[in-house]
Amino acid sequence: MTQNHIATVNPLPSSILHNSTEVRRQYTRNAAKQAMQFISRKVRVFNRKAAEVAQEISPVQSSH
């Protein structure tokens, strides 16, 4: 049984595959996209936790 291993997300025509600049550009685009998704996920979790903490703290501060 043979398996086709495609290195890029979107298969490219063989003429472009030999153009390393285009392959690098596609890898860079995908890596940047994944990095942004990772960072935005982390920021979302951080903001959610910060909002919970702010709700817990605000009644304490208003009693002073």
Protein backbone atom coordinates (compact mmCIF):
# COMPACT_ATOMS: atom_id res chain seq x y z
CA MET A 1 0.00 0.00 0.00
CA THR A 2 1.42 3.36 -0.99
CA GLN A 3 0.85 6.61 0.84
CA ASN A 4 1.04 10.07 -0.62
CA HIS A 5 2.71 12.51 1.74
CA ILE A 6 1.82 16.06 0.85
CA ALA A 7 4.05 18.56 2.65
CA THR A 8 1.82 21.58 2.10
CA VAL A 9 -1.80 22.14 3.03
CA ASN A 10 -2.81 23.00 -0.54
CA PRO A 11 -1.22 20.70 -3.13
CA LEU A 12 0.74 22.69 -5.70
CA PRO A 13 1.41 21.92 -9.35
CA SER A 14 4.83 20.33 -9.87
CA SER A 15 6.07 23.39 -11.79
CA ILE A 16 5.56 25.54 -8.67
CA LEU A 17 6.95 22.89 -6.30
CA HIS A 18 10.36 23.39 -7.84
CA ASN A 19 10.10 27.09 -7.06
CA SER A 20 11.27 27.06 -3.44
CA THR A 21 10.22 30.70 -2.90
CA GLU A 22 6.56 29.86 -3.49
CA VAL A 23 6.74 26.79 -1.22
CA ARG A 24 8.43 28.83 1.51
CA ARG A 25 5.79 31.54 1.12
CA GLN A 26 3.00 28.99 1.57
CA TYR A 27 4.67 27.48 4.63
CA THR A 28 5.18 30.96 6.08
CA ARG A 29 1.56 31.91 5.46
CA ASN A 30 0.31 28.75 7.16
CA ALA A 31 2.73 29.13 10.06
CA ALA A 32 1.67 32.75 10.59
CA LYS A 33 -1.98 31.74 10.49
CA GLN A 34 -1.42 29.00 13.08
CA ALA A 35 0.56 31.38 15.29
CA MET A 36 -2.22 33.97 15.19
CA GLN A 37 -4.83 31.34 16.06
CA PHE A 38 -2.69 30.16 18.99
CA ILE A 39 -2.12 33.69 20.28
CA SER A 40 -5.75 34.72 19.91
CA ARG A 41 -6.82 31.58 21.79
CA LYS A 42 -4.41 32.41 24.63
CA VAL A 43 -5.62 36.03 24.74
CA ARG A 44 -9.24 34.88 24.82
CA VAL A 45 -8.56 32.57 27.78
CA PHE A 46 -6.60 35.31 29.55
CA ASN A 47 -9.42 37.84 29.02
CA ARG A 48 -12.00 35.37 30.28
CA LYS A 49 -10.00 34.76 33.47
CA ALA A 50 -9.34 38.49 33.91
CA ALA A 51 -13.07 39.21 33.63
CA GLU A 52 -13.84 36.58 36.29
CA VAL A 53 -11.23 38.05 38.64
CA ALA A 54 -12.53 41.58 38.01
CA GLN A 55 -16.07 40.49 38.92
CA GLU A 56 -14.81 38.92 42.13
CA ILE A 57 -12.75 41.96 43.11
CA SER A 58 -15.22 44.76 42.25
CA PRO A 59 -17.69 44.16 45.16
CA VAL A 60 -14.77 44.16 47.62
CA GLN A 61 -13.49 47.50 46.33
CA SER A 62 -16.92 49.15 46.34
CA SER A 63 -17.38 48.42 50.07
CA HIS A 64 -14.45 50.69 51.06
